[in-house]
PDB file of N, CA and C in Angstrom:
ATOM      1  N   MET A   1     -60.711 -89.089 127.399  1.00  0.00           N
ATOM      2  CA  MET A   1     -62.078 -89.243 126.973  1.00  0.00           C
ATOM      3  C   MET A   1     -62.739 -87.877 127.049  1.00  0.00           C
ATOM      4  N   ASN A   2     -63.293 -87.443 125.957  1.00  0.00           N
ATOM      5  CA  ASN A   2     -64.064 -86.203 125.904  1.00  0.00           C
ATOM      6  C   ASN A   2     -65.526 -86.559 125.694  1.00  0.00           C
ATOM      7  N   LEU A   3     -66.405 -85.867 126.405  1.00  0.00           N
ATOM      8  CA  LEU A   3     -67.840 -86.048 126.222  1.00  0.00           C
ATOM      9  C   LEU A   3     -68.452 -84.703 125.882  1.00  0.00           C
ATOM     10  N   GLY A   4     -69.063 -84.606 124.696  1.00  0.00           N
ATOM     11  CA  GLY A   4     -69.732 -83.385 124.273  1.00  0.00           C
ATOM     12  C   GLY A   4     -68.833 -82.173 124.165  1.00  0.00           C
ATOM     13  N   ALA A   5     -67.584 -82.351 123.802  1.00  0.00           N
ATOM     14  CA  ALA A   5     -66.624 -81.243 123.776  1.00  0.00           C
ATOM     15  C   ALA A   5     -66.897 -80.281 122.628  1.00  0.00           C
ATOM     16  N   GLU A   6     -66.965 -79.010 122.965  1.00  0.00           N
ATOM     17  CA  GLU A   6     -66.953 -77.913 121.998  1.00  0.00           C
ATOM     18  C   GLU A   6     -65.808 -77.022 122.449  1.00  0.00           C
ATOM     19  N   THR A   7     -64.711 -77.059 121.749  1.00  0.00           N
ATOM     20  CA  THR A   7     -63.503 -76.392 122.223  1.00  0.00           C
ATOM     21  C   THR A   7     -63.226 -75.104 121.466  1.00  0.00           C
ATOM     22  N   SER A   8     -62.508 -74.209 122.125  1.00  0.00           N
ATOM     23  CA  SER A   8     -62.014 -73.021 121.441  1.00  0.00           C
ATOM     24  C   SER A   8     -60.696 -73.384 120.756  1.00  0.00           C
ATOM     25  N   ALA A   9     -60.233 -72.518 119.875  1.00  0.00           N
ATOM     26  CA  ALA A   9     -59.005 -72.778 119.122  1.00  0.00           C
ATOM     27  C   ALA A   9     -57.818 -72.878 120.070  1.00  0.00           C
ATOM     28  N   HIS A  10     -57.014 -73.929 119.901  1.00  0.00           N
ATOM     29  CA  HIS A  10     -55.852 -74.135 120.769  1.00  0.00           C
ATOM     30  C   HIS A  10     -54.856 -75.087 120.117  1.00  0.00           C
ATOM     31  N   VAL A  11     -53.634 -75.078 120.631  1.00  0.00           N
ATOM     32  CA  VAL A  11     -52.637 -76.111 120.358  1.00  0.00           C
ATOM     33  C   VAL A  11     -52.337 -76.764 121.702  1.00  0.00           C
ATOM     34  N   ASP A  12     -51.760 -77.941 121.682  1.00  0.00           N
ATOM     35  CA  ASP A  12     -51.452 -78.679 122.898  1.00  0.00           C
ATOM     36  C   ASP A  12     -49.943 -78.821 123.038  1.00  0.00           C
ATOM     37  N   PRO A  13     -49.271 -77.834 123.644  1.00  0.00           N
ATOM     38  CA  PRO A  13     -47.807 -77.877 123.724  1.00  0.00           C
ATOM     39  C   PRO A  13     -47.275 -79.038 124.560  1.00  0.00           C
ATOM     40  N   GLN A  14     -48.108 -79.624 125.413  1.00  0.00           N
ATOM     41  CA  GLN A  14     -47.659 -80.750 126.230  1.00  0.00           C
ATOM     42  C   GLN A  14     -47.645 -82.057 125.440  1.00  0.00           C
ATOM     43  N   ASP A  15     -48.253 -82.066 124.246  1.00  0.00           N
ATOM     44  CA  ASP A  15     -48.201 -83.257 123.389  1.00  0.00           C
ATOM     45  C   ASP A  15     -46.880 -83.264 122.636  1.00  0.00           C
ATOM     46  N   ASP A  16     -46.346 -84.457 122.401  1.00  0.00           N
ATOM     47  CA  ASP A  16     -45.045 -84.566 121.753  1.00  0.00           C
ATOM     48  C   ASP A  16     -45.164 -84.646 120.238  1.00  0.00           C
ATOM     49  N   GLU A  17     -45.715 -85.679 119.729  1.00  0.00           N
ATOM     50  CA  GLU A  17     -45.746 -85.875 118.276  1.00  0.00           C
ATOM     51  C   GLU A  17     -47.166 -85.847 117.738  1.00  0.00           C
ATOM     52  N   LEU A  18     -47.916 -86.895 117.995  1.00  0.00           N
ATOM     53  CA  LEU A  18     -49.209 -87.053 117.338  1.00  0.00           C
ATOM     54  C   LEU A  18     -50.357 -87.159 118.337  1.00  0.00           C
ATOM     55  N   CYS A  19     -51.530 -86.813 117.847  1.00  0.00           N
ATOM     56  CA  CYS A  19     -52.777 -86.953 118.588  1.00  0.00           C
ATOM     57  C   CYS A  19     -53.709 -87.792 117.720  1.00  0.00           C
ATOM     58  N   VAL A  20     -54.383 -88.748 118.332  1.00  0.00           N
ATOM     59  CA  VAL A  20     -55.326 -89.615 117.629  1.00  0.00           C
ATOM     60  C   VAL A  20     -56.713 -89.354 118.218  1.00  0.00           C
ATOM     61  N   VAL A  21     -57.684 -89.070 117.362  1.00  0.00           N
ATOM     62  CA  VAL A  21     -59.050 -88.794 117.800  1.00  0.00           C
ATOM     63  C   VAL A  21     -59.982 -89.844 117.207  1.00  0.00           C
ATOM     64  N   LEU A  22     -60.774 -90.496 118.086  1.00  0.00           N
ATOM     65  CA  LEU A  22     -61.734 -91.517 117.673  1.00  0.00           C
ATOM     66  C   LEU A  22     -63.108 -91.121 118.209  1.00  0.00           C
ATOM     67  N   PRO A  23     -63.979 -90.533 117.369  1.00  0.00           N
ATOM     68  CA  PRO A  23     -65.286 -90.088 117.843  1.00  0.00           C
ATOM     69  C   PRO A  23     -66.296 -91.230 117.925  1.00  0.00           C
ATOM     70  N   PHE A  24     -67.280 -91.065 118.840  1.00  0.00           N
ATOM     71  CA  PHE A  24     -68.368 -92.030 118.950  1.00  0.00           C
ATOM     72  C   PHE A  24     -69.629 -91.301 119.410  1.00  0.00           C
ATOM     73  N   GLY A  25     -70.773 -91.876 119.138  1.00  0.00           N
ATOM     74  CA  GLY A  25     -72.036 -91.304 119.583  1.00  0.00           C
ATOM     75  C   GLY A  25     -72.985 -91.027 118.432  1.00  0.00           C
ATOM     76  N   ASP A  26     -73.991 -90.188 118.717  1.00  0.00           N
ATOM     77  CA  ASP A  26     -75.011 -89.792 117.743  1.00  0.00           C
ATOM     78  C   ASP A  26     -75.172 -88.280 117.860  1.00  0.00           C
ATOM     79  N   TRP A  27     -74.672 -87.529 116.888  1.00  0.00           N
ATOM     80  CA  TRP A  27     -74.636 -86.071 116.979  1.00  0.00           C
ATOM     81  C   TRP A  27     -74.739 -85.435 115.601  1.00  0.00           C
ATOM     82  N   ARG A  28     -74.957 -84.129 115.626  1.00  0.00           N
ATOM     83  CA  ARG A  28     -74.914 -83.292 114.421  1.00  0.00           C
ATOM     84  C   ARG A  28     -73.991 -82.122 114.722  1.00  0.00           C
ATOM     85  N   GLY A  29     -73.227 -81.707 113.713  1.00  0.00           N
ATOM     86  CA  GLY A  29     -72.295 -80.601 113.910  1.00  0.00           C
ATOM     87  C   GLY A  29     -71.025 -81.083 114.588  1.00  0.00           C
ATOM     88  N   GLY A  30     -70.362 -80.183 115.317  1.00  0.00           N
ATOM     89  CA  GLY A  30     -69.162 -80.537 116.066  1.00  0.00           C
ATOM     90  C   GLY A  30     -67.956 -80.847 115.211  1.00  0.00           C
ATOM     91  N   GLU A  31     -67.910 -80.306 113.995  1.00  0.00           N
ATOM     92  CA  GLU A  31     -66.795 -80.610 113.101  1.00  0.00           C
ATOM     93  C   GLU A  31     -65.463 -80.250 113.750  1.00  0.00           C
ATOM     94  N   LEU A  32     -64.449 -81.049 113.456  1.00  0.00           N
ATOM     95  CA  LEU A  32     -63.088 -80.788 113.916  1.00  0.00           C
ATOM     96  C   LEU A  32     -62.406 -79.904 112.881  1.00  0.00           C
ATOM     97  N   CYS A  33     -61.926 -78.750 113.304  1.00  0.00           N
ATOM     98  CA  CYS A  33     -61.267 -77.807 112.402  1.00  0.00           C
ATOM     99  C   CYS A  33     -59.768 -77.801 112.666  1.00  0.00           C
ATOM    100  N   LEU A  34     -58.993 -77.940 111.614  1.00  0.00           N
ATOM    101  CA  LEU A  34     -57.536 -77.864 111.676  1.00  0.00           C
ATOM    102  C   LEU A  34     -57.146 -76.592 110.932  1.00  0.00           C
ATOM    103  N   TYR A  35     -56.916 -75.529 111.699  1.00  0.00           N
ATOM    104  CA  TYR A  35     -56.832 -74.171 111.174  1.00  0.00           C
ATOM    105  C   TYR A  35     -55.759 -73.995 110.101  1.00  0.00           C
ATOM    106  N   GLU A  36     -54.503 -74.293 110.407  1.00  0.00           N
ATOM    107  CA  GLU A  36     -53.411 -74.045 109.459  1.00  0.00           C
ATOM    108  C   GLU A  36     -53.569 -74.855 108.173  1.00  0.00           C
ATOM    109  N   LEU A  37     -54.227 -75.996 108.270  1.00  0.00           N
ATOM    110  CA  LEU A  37     -54.437 -76.830 107.084  1.00  0.00           C
ATOM    111  C   LEU A  37     -55.689 -76.414 106.309  1.00  0.00           C
ATOM    112  N   GLY A  38     -56.522 -75.562 106.912  1.00  0.00           N
ATOM    113  CA  GLY A  38     -57.755 -75.132 106.260  1.00  0.00           C
ATOM    114  C   GLY A  38     -58.771 -76.254 106.129  1.00  0.00           C
ATOM    115  N   LEU A  39     -58.752 -77.196 107.061  1.00  0.00           N
ATOM    116  CA  LEU A  39     -59.655 -78.349 106.991  1.00  0.00           C
ATOM    117  C   LEU A  39     -60.768 -78.246 108.021  1.00  0.00           C
ATOM    118  N   VAL A  40     -61.962 -78.631 107.600  1.00  0.00           N
ATOM    119  CA  VAL A  40     -63.112 -78.797 108.487  1.00  0.00           C
ATOM    120  C   VAL A  40     -63.578 -80.230 108.281  1.00  0.00           C
ATOM    121  N   LEU A  41     -63.378 -81.070 109.302  1.00  0.00           N
ATOM    122  CA  LEU A  41     -63.638 -82.499 109.181  1.00  0.00           C
ATOM    123  C   LEU A  41     -64.965 -82.854 109.833  1.00  0.00           C
ATOM    124  N   ASP A  42     -65.899 -83.334 109.026  1.00  0.00           N
ATOM    125  CA  ASP A  42     -67.206 -83.782 109.508  1.00  0.00           C
ATOM    126  C   ASP A  42     -67.084 -85.267 109.825  1.00  0.00           C
ATOM    127  N   LEU A  43     -66.718 -85.572 111.038  1.00  0.00           N
ATOM    128  CA  LEU A  43     -66.405 -86.946 111.427  1.00  0.00           C
ATOM    129  C   LEU A  43     -67.658 -87.745 111.758  1.00  0.00           C
ATOM    130  N   SER A  44     -67.550 -89.039 111.569  1.00  0.00           N
ATOM    131  CA  SER A  44     -68.610 -89.991 111.905  1.00  0.00           C
ATOM    132  C   SER A  44     -68.062 -90.996 112.907  1.00  0.00           C
ATOM    133  N   PRO A  45     -68.950 -91.694 113.628  1.00  0.00           N
ATOM    134  CA  PRO A  45     -68.470 -92.746 114.529  1.00  0.00           C
ATOM    135  C   PRO A  45     -67.604 -93.744 113.763  1.00  0.00           C
ATOM    136  N   GLY A  46     -66.476 -94.093 114.327  1.00  0.00           N
ATOM    137  CA  GLY A  46     -65.561 -95.040 113.693  1.00  0.00           C
ATOM    138  C   GLY A  46     -64.462 -94.391 112.881  1.00  0.00           C
ATOM    139  N   ASP A  47     -64.583 -93.086 112.595  1.00  0.00           N
ATOM    140  CA  ASP A  47     -63.503 -92.388 111.901  1.00  0.00           C
ATOM    141  C   ASP A  47     -62.299 -92.253 112.834  1.00  0.00           C
ATOM    142  N   VAL A  48     -61.135 -92.132 112.255  1.00  0.00           N
ATOM    143  CA  VAL A  48     -59.904 -91.918 113.017  1.00  0.00           C
ATOM    144  C   VAL A  48     -59.164 -90.747 112.377  1.00  0.00           C
ATOM    145  N   VAL A  49     -58.767 -89.783 113.210  1.00  0.00           N
ATOM    146  CA  VAL A  49     -57.990 -88.636 112.732  1.00  0.00           C
ATOM    147  C   VAL A  49     -56.684 -88.610 113.508  1.00  0.00           C
ATOM    148  N   ILE A  50     -55.581 -88.438 112.793  1.00  0.00           N
ATOM    149  CA  ILE A  50     -54.260 -88.353 113.415  1.00  0.00           C
ATOM    150  C   ILE A  50     -53.610 -87.062 112.925  1.00  0.00           C
ATOM    151  N   PHE A  51     -53.176 -86.218 113.869  1.00  0.00           N
ATOM    152  CA  PHE A  51     -52.530 -84.960 113.500  1.00  0.00           C
ATOM    153  C   PHE A  51     -51.603 -84.504 114.621  1.00  0.00           C
ATOM    154  N   PRO A  52     -50.643 -83.631 114.316  1.00  0.00           N
ATOM    155  CA  PRO A  52     -49.717 -83.116 115.336  1.00  0.00           C
ATOM    156  C   PRO A  52     -50.385 -81.985 116.127  1.00  0.00           C
ATOM    157  N   SER A  53     -51.015 -82.316 117.238  1.00  0.00           N
ATOM    158  CA  SER A  53     -51.788 -81.351 118.019  1.00  0.00           C
ATOM    159  C   SER A  53     -50.930 -80.285 118.695  1.00  0.00           C
ATOM    160  N   ASN A  54     -49.615 -80.499 118.733  1.00  0.00           N
ATOM    161  CA  ASN A  54     -48.717 -79.484 119.311  1.00  0.00           C
ATOM    162  C   ASN A  54     -48.290 -78.435 118.288  1.00  0.00           C
ATOM    163  N   ARG A  55     -48.662 -78.623 117.014  1.00  0.00           N
ATOM    164  CA  ARG A  55     -48.266 -77.679 115.964  1.00  0.00           C
ATOM    165  C   ARG A  55     -49.434 -77.127 115.155  1.00  0.00           C
ATOM    166  N   ILE A  56     -50.602 -77.752 115.262  1.00  0.00           N
ATOM    167  CA  ILE A  56     -51.751 -77.321 114.475  1.00  0.00           C
ATOM    168  C   ILE A  56     -52.850 -76.820 115.404  1.00  0.00           C
ATOM    169  N   THR A  57     -53.300 -75.603 115.169  1.00  0.00           N
ATOM    170  CA  THR A  57     -54.414 -75.046 115.927  1.00  0.00           C
ATOM    171  C   THR A  57     -55.675 -75.822 115.558  1.00  0.00           C
ATOM    172  N   HIS A  58     -56.398 -76.279 116.584  1.00  0.00           N
ATOM    173  CA  HIS A  58     -57.582 -77.097 116.326  1.00  0.00           C
ATOM    174  C   HIS A  58     -58.705 -76.722 117.290  1.00  0.00           C
ATOM    175  N   PHE A  59     -59.919 -77.003 116.855  1.00  0.00           N
ATOM    176  CA  PHE A  59     -61.105 -76.724 117.669  1.00  0.00           C
ATOM    177  C   PHE A  59     -62.295 -77.460 117.087  1.00  0.00           C
ATOM    178  N   ASN A  60     -63.384 -77.519 117.861  1.00  0.00           N
ATOM    179  CA  ASN A  60     -64.626 -78.130 117.415  1.00  0.00           C
ATOM    180  C   ASN A  60     -65.696 -77.061 117.281  1.00  0.00           C
ATOM    181  N   LEU A  61     -66.544 -77.208 116.278  1.00  0.00           N
ATOM    182  CA  LEU A  61     -67.688 -76.325 116.112  1.00  0.00           C
ATOM    183  C   LEU A  61     -68.838 -76.786 117.019  1.00  0.00           C
ATOM    184  N   ARG A  62     -69.848 -75.965 117.123  1.00  0.00           N
ATOM    185  CA  ARG A  62     -71.010 -76.300 117.958  1.00  0.00           C
ATOM    186  C   ARG A  62     -71.653 -77.599 117.476  1.00  0.00           C
ATOM    187  N   MET A  63     -72.216 -78.344 118.418  1.00  0.00           N
ATOM    188  CA  MET A  63     -72.828 -79.634 118.098  1.00  0.00           C
ATOM    189  C   MET A  63     -74.112 -79.802 118.885  1.00  0.00           C
ATOM    190  N   SER A  64     -74.927 -80.736 118.436  1.00  0.00           N
ATOM    191  CA  SER A  64     -76.103 -81.156 119.187  1.00  0.00           C
ATOM    192  C   SER A  64     -76.116 -82.676 119.203  1.00  0.00           C
ATOM    193  N   GLY A  65     -76.746 -83.235 120.208  1.00  0.00           N
ATOM    194  CA  GLY A  65     -76.785 -84.680 120.348  1.00  0.00           C
ATOM    195  C   GLY A  65     -75.783 -85.150 121.383  1.00  0.00           C
ATOM    196  N   HIS A  66     -75.368 -86.385 121.222  1.00  0.00           N
ATOM    197  CA  HIS A  66     -74.449 -87.005 122.183  1.00  0.00           C
ATOM    198  C   HIS A  66     -73.212 -87.476 121.437  1.00  0.00           C
ATOM    199  N   ARG A  67     -72.090 -86.821 121.723  1.00  0.00           N
ATOM    200  CA  ARG A  67     -70.837 -87.199 121.073  1.00  0.00           C
ATOM    201  C   ARG A  67     -69.749 -87.298 122.125  1.00  0.00           C
ATOM    202  N   GLY A  68     -68.944 -88.298 121.957  1.00  0.00           N
ATOM    203  CA  GLY A  68     -67.744 -88.433 122.767  1.00  0.00           C
ATOM    204  C   GLY A  68     -66.585 -88.718 121.844  1.00  0.00           C
ATOM    205  N   SER A  69     -65.397 -88.624 122.380  1.00  0.00           N
ATOM    206  CA  SER A  69     -64.224 -89.005 121.602  1.00  0.00           C
ATOM    207  C   SER A  69     -63.156 -89.539 122.543  1.00  0.00           C
ATOM    208  N   ILE A  70     -62.487 -90.533 122.058  1.00  0.00           N
ATOM    209  CA  ILE A  70     -61.301 -91.040 122.744  1.00  0.00           C
ATOM    210  C   ILE A  70     -60.128 -90.328 122.094  1.00  0.00           C
ATOM    211  N   VAL A  71     -59.308 -89.681 122.911  1.00  0.00           N
ATOM    212  CA  VAL A  71     -58.174 -88.915 122.400  1.00  0.00           C
ATOM    213  C   VAL A  71     -56.899 -89.517 122.989  1.00  0.00           C
ATOM    214  N   LEU A  72     -56.005 -89.912 122.122  1.00  0.00           N
ATOM    215  CA  LEU A  72     -54.719 -90.478 122.521  1.00  0.00           C
ATOM    216  C   LEU A  72     -53.626 -89.533 122.053  1.00  0.00           C
ATOM    217  N   SER A  73     -52.720 -89.202 122.946  1.00  0.00           N
ATOM    218  CA  SER A  73     -51.628 -88.310 122.541  1.00  0.00           C
ATOM    219  C   SER A  73     -50.329 -88.780 123.173  1.00  0.00           C
ATOM    220  N   SER A  74     -49.243 -88.391 122.548  1.00  0.00           N
ATOM    221  CA  SER A  74     -47.927 -88.688 123.110  1.00  0.00           C
ATOM    222  C   SER A  74     -47.526 -87.512 124.001  1.00  0.00           C
ATOM    223  N   ASP A  75     -46.991 -87.814 125.163  1.00  0.00           N
ATOM    224  CA  ASP A  75     -46.680 -86.818 126.180  1.00  0.00           C
ATOM    225  C   ASP A  75     -45.250 -86.311 126.020  1.00  0.00           C
ATOM    226  N   ALA A  76     -45.090 -84.995 125.861  1.00  0.00           N
ATOM    227  CA  ALA A  76     -43.759 -84.406 125.678  1.00  0.00           C
ATOM    228  C   ALA A  76     -42.853 -84.648 126.883  1.00  0.00           C
ATOM    229  N   HIS A  77     -43.433 -84.798 128.069  1.00  0.00           N
ATOM    230  CA  HIS A  77     -42.628 -84.986 129.274  1.00  0.00           C
ATOM    231  C   HIS A  77     -42.029 -86.390 129.377  1.00  0.00           C
ATOM    232  N   MET A  78     -42.474 -87.320 128.547  1.00  0.00           N
ATOM    233  CA  MET A  78     -41.901 -88.665 128.581  1.00  0.00           C
ATOM    234  C   MET A  78     -40.430 -88.666 128.184  1.00  0.00           C
ATOM    235  N   LYS A  79     -40.011 -87.725 127.343  1.00  0.00           N
ATOM    236  CA  LYS A  79     -38.594 -87.654 126.985  1.00  0.00           C
ATOM    237  C   LYS A  79     -37.747 -87.335 128.208  1.00  0.00           C
ATOM    238  N   GLY A  80     -38.268 -86.491 129.094  1.00  0.00           N
ATOM    239  CA  GLY A  80     -37.566 -86.193 130.338  1.00  0.00           C
ATOM    240  C   GLY A  80     -37.476 -87.417 131.236  1.00  0.00           C
ATOM    241  N   TRP A  81     -38.517 -88.243 131.221  1.00  0.00           N
ATOM    242  CA  TRP A  81     -38.502 -89.459 132.045  1.00  0.00           C
ATOM    243  C   TRP A  81     -37.456 -90.434 131.525  1.00  0.00           C
ATOM    244  N   THR A  82     -37.394 -90.630 130.231  1.00  0.00           N
ATOM    245  CA  THR A  82     -36.404 -91.567 129.691  1.00  0.00           C
ATOM    246  C   THR A  82     -34.993 -91.008 129.800  1.00  0.00           C
ATOM    247  N   GLY A  83     -34.848 -89.678 129.788  1.00  0.00           N
ATOM    248  CA  GLY A  83     -33.521 -89.066 129.873  1.00  0.00           C
ATOM    249  C   GLY A  83     -32.948 -89.060 131.277  1.00  0.00           C
ATOM    250  N   ASN A  84     -33.718 -88.573 132.251  1.00  0.00           N
ATOM    251  CA  ASN A  84     -33.190 -88.491 133.623  1.00  0.00           C
ATOM    252  C   ASN A  84     -34.276 -88.681 134.676  1.00  0.00           C
ATOM    253  N   ARG A  85     -35.309 -89.405 134.325  1.00  0.00           N
ATOM    254  CA  ARG A  85     -36.426 -89.681 135.239  1.00  0.00           C
ATOM    255  C   ARG A  85     -37.027 -88.374 135.766  1.00  0.00           C
ATOM    256  N   ASN A  86     -37.122 -87.356 134.895  1.00  0.00           N
ATOM    257  CA  ASN A  86     -37.648 -86.029 135.245  1.00  0.00           C
ATOM    258  C   ASN A  86     -36.956 -85.448 136.473  1.00  0.00           C
ATOM    259  N   GLY A  87     -35.637 -85.635 136.531  1.00  0.00           N
ATOM    260  CA  GLY A  87     -34.845 -85.081 137.621  1.00  0.00           C
ATOM    261  C   GLY A  87     -34.726 -85.980 138.835  1.00  0.00           C
ATOM    262  N   TRP A  88     -35.340 -87.147 138.815  1.00  0.00           N
ATOM    263  CA  TRP A  88     -35.314 -88.056 139.965  1.00  0.00           C
ATOM    264  C   TRP A  88     -34.278 -89.164 139.814  1.00  0.00           C
ATOM    265  N   ASP A  89     -33.496 -89.167 138.741  1.00  0.00           N
ATOM    266  CA  ASP A  89     -32.569 -90.267 138.506  1.00  0.00           C
ATOM    267  C   ASP A  89     -31.533 -90.434 139.625  1.00  0.00           C
ATOM    268  N   ALA A  90     -31.122 -89.366 140.278  1.00  0.00           N
ATOM    269  CA  ALA A  90     -30.141 -89.469 141.367  1.00  0.00           C
ATOM    270  C   ALA A  90     -30.754 -90.106 142.624  1.00  0.00           C
ATOM    271  N   HIS A  91     -32.059 -90.146 142.703  1.00  0.00           N
ATOM    272  CA  HIS A  91     -32.742 -90.686 143.878  1.00  0.00           C
ATOM    273  C   HIS A  91     -33.188 -92.127 143.696  1.00  0.00           C
ATOM    274  N   ILE A  92     -33.032 -92.663 142.487  1.00  0.00           N
ATOM    275  CA  ILE A  92     -33.491 -94.019 142.192  1.00  0.00           C
ATOM    276  C   ILE A  92     -32.298 -94.950 142.196  1.00  0.00           C
ATOM    277  N   ARG A  93     -32.419 -96.043 142.902  1.00  0.00           N
ATOM    278  CA  ARG A  93     -31.320 -97.019 142.963  1.00  0.00           C
ATOM    279  C   ARG A  93     -31.586 -98.194 142.080  1.00  0.00           C
TER     280      ARG A  93
END
């Protein structure tokens, strides 16, 4: 859950595949920018954006008002858990 986020440009290497963003609130500005795609998304409450946050540089522009977003992402470390319990498999009976 993000509240009033204005982020600098970044990628999320800890995310595995996709990131889902669901904004809510009453705000102006705060567009979501997807740098490599050249997109500036002016989102509204109820919009849904899905993108590979581990491969696309993204950030939010300045905003005013009250905005939040629910962000769902897949965790890259889950593959380690399914493979060998992140190194704990020898300790689990």
